[in-house]
């Protein structure tokens, strides 16, 4: 598993359409670019 700071970065590094990654993270698709994707929500930074 690899973590990316942004969907744009993930798309660029995996040659995957960012819109399709968003669809997976919103449970509208199962995979994008042959990968399973999950978003991690981070807390507010001080």
N, C-alpha and C. Protein backbone atom coordinates (compact mmCIF):
# COMPACT_ATOMS: atom_id res chain seq x y z
N UNK A 1 0.85 -1.16 0.00
CA UNK A 1 0.00 0.00 0.00
C UNK A 1 0.90 1.23 0.00
N UNK A 2 0.47 2.25 -0.74
CA UNK A 2 1.21 3.50 -0.79
C UNK A 2 0.25 4.63 -0.49
N UNK A 3 0.74 5.62 0.27
CA UNK A 3 -0.06 6.79 0.59
C UNK A 3 0.37 7.96 -0.28
N UNK A 4 -0.60 8.72 -0.76
CA UNK A 4 -0.34 9.92 -1.55
C UNK A 4 -0.94 11.11 -0.83
N UNK A 5 -0.30 12.26 -0.97
CA UNK A 5 -0.82 13.48 -0.34
C UNK A 5 -2.07 13.99 -1.02
N UNK A 6 -2.17 13.81 -2.33
CA UNK A 6 -3.34 14.29 -3.08
C UNK A 6 -3.77 13.27 -4.12
N UNK A 7 -5.00 13.40 -4.57
CA UNK A 7 -5.50 12.54 -5.65
C UNK A 7 -4.73 12.84 -6.93
N UNK A 8 -4.38 14.10 -7.13
CA UNK A 8 -3.62 14.48 -8.32
C UNK A 8 -2.27 13.76 -8.35
N UNK A 9 -1.59 13.72 -7.23
CA UNK A 9 -0.31 13.02 -7.13
C UNK A 9 -0.49 11.53 -7.40
N UNK A 10 -1.52 10.93 -6.82
CA UNK A 10 -1.79 9.51 -7.03
C UNK A 10 -2.05 9.22 -8.50
N UNK A 11 -2.86 10.06 -9.12
CA UNK A 11 -3.17 9.88 -10.54
C UNK A 11 -1.94 9.99 -11.42
N UNK A 12 -1.10 10.97 -11.13
CA UNK A 12 0.11 11.20 -11.93
C UNK A 12 1.06 10.01 -11.79
N UNK A 13 1.28 9.54 -10.57
CA UNK A 13 2.25 8.46 -10.34
C UNK A 13 1.77 7.10 -10.85
N UNK A 14 0.45 6.90 -10.91
CA UNK A 14 -0.09 5.61 -11.35
C UNK A 14 -0.68 5.67 -12.75
N UNK A 15 -0.60 6.85 -13.37
CA UNK A 15 -1.17 7.06 -14.70
C UNK A 15 -2.66 6.70 -14.71
N UNK A 16 -3.38 7.19 -13.69
CA UNK A 16 -4.80 6.92 -13.51
C UNK A 16 -5.56 8.23 -13.50
N UNK A 17 -6.70 8.25 -14.16
CA UNK A 17 -7.54 9.44 -14.21
C UNK A 17 -8.01 9.81 -12.80
N UNK A 18 -7.76 11.06 -12.41
CA UNK A 18 -8.11 11.53 -11.07
C UNK A 18 -9.61 11.46 -10.81
N UNK A 19 -10.41 11.73 -11.83
CA UNK A 19 -11.86 11.65 -11.66
C UNK A 19 -12.29 10.23 -11.31
N UNK A 20 -11.65 9.25 -11.92
CA UNK A 20 -11.99 7.86 -11.62
C UNK A 20 -11.55 7.48 -10.21
N UNK A 21 -10.42 8.01 -9.74
CA UNK A 21 -10.01 7.75 -8.36
C UNK A 21 -11.05 8.32 -7.41
N UNK A 22 -11.53 9.52 -7.69
CA UNK A 22 -12.58 10.13 -6.86
C UNK A 22 -13.83 9.27 -6.82
N UNK A 23 -14.21 8.71 -7.96
CA UNK A 23 -15.40 7.85 -8.00
C UNK A 23 -15.22 6.63 -7.09
N UNK A 24 -14.02 6.08 -7.06
CA UNK A 24 -13.76 4.93 -6.19
C UNK A 24 -13.84 5.35 -4.72
N UNK A 25 -13.22 6.47 -4.38
CA UNK A 25 -13.23 6.90 -2.97
C UNK A 25 -14.63 7.28 -2.51
N UNK A 26 -15.50 7.61 -3.46
CA UNK A 26 -16.90 7.92 -3.13
C UNK A 26 -17.83 6.73 -3.33
N UNK A 27 -17.23 5.54 -3.51
CA UNK A 27 -17.96 4.27 -3.63
C UNK A 27 -18.92 4.22 -4.83
N UNK A 28 -18.56 4.93 -5.90
CA UNK A 28 -19.35 4.89 -7.14
C UNK A 28 -18.74 3.90 -8.14
N UNK A 29 -17.49 3.52 -7.92
CA UNK A 29 -16.77 2.53 -8.72
C UNK A 29 -15.99 1.64 -7.77
N UNK A 30 -15.60 0.45 -8.27
CA UNK A 30 -14.82 -0.46 -7.43
C UNK A 30 -13.32 -0.25 -7.58
N UNK A 31 -12.86 0.05 -8.80
CA UNK A 31 -11.43 0.25 -9.03
C UNK A 31 -11.21 1.39 -10.02
N UNK A 32 -10.00 1.88 -10.04
CA UNK A 32 -9.57 2.87 -11.05
C UNK A 32 -8.12 2.56 -11.37
N UNK A 33 -7.81 2.42 -12.64
CA UNK A 33 -6.45 2.11 -13.05
C UNK A 33 -5.97 0.75 -12.58
N UNK A 34 -6.92 -0.14 -12.26
CA UNK A 34 -6.55 -1.47 -11.77
C UNK A 34 -6.25 -1.51 -10.28
N UNK A 35 -6.49 -0.39 -9.60
CA UNK A 35 -6.21 -0.29 -8.17
C UNK A 35 -7.49 -0.07 -7.38
N UNK A 36 -7.46 -0.48 -6.13
CA UNK A 36 -8.50 -0.13 -5.17
C UNK A 36 -8.00 1.12 -4.45
N UNK A 37 -8.89 2.09 -4.23
CA UNK A 37 -8.49 3.36 -3.61
C UNK A 37 -9.31 3.62 -2.36
N UNK A 38 -8.69 4.31 -1.43
CA UNK A 38 -9.37 4.69 -0.19
C UNK A 38 -8.82 6.04 0.24
N UNK A 39 -9.71 6.92 0.71
CA UNK A 39 -9.24 8.21 1.21
C UNK A 39 -9.12 8.15 2.72
N UNK A 40 -8.17 8.89 3.23
CA UNK A 40 -7.96 8.98 4.67
C UNK A 40 -8.16 10.44 5.06
N UNK A 41 -9.10 10.67 5.94
CA UNK A 41 -9.36 12.03 6.40
C UNK A 41 -8.40 12.36 7.53
N UNK A 42 -7.76 13.51 7.42
CA UNK A 42 -6.84 13.94 8.46
C UNK A 42 -7.47 15.07 9.26
N UNK A 43 -7.14 15.14 10.53
CA UNK A 43 -7.68 16.18 11.40
C UNK A 43 -7.12 17.55 11.05
N UNK A 44 -7.74 18.58 11.59
CA UNK A 44 -7.28 19.95 11.35
C UNK A 44 -5.90 20.15 11.95
N UNK A 45 -5.07 20.88 11.26
CA UNK A 45 -3.73 21.15 11.74
C UNK A 45 -3.69 22.51 12.42
N UNK A 46 -2.95 22.61 13.50
CA UNK A 46 -2.82 23.88 14.24
C UNK A 46 -1.55 24.58 13.85
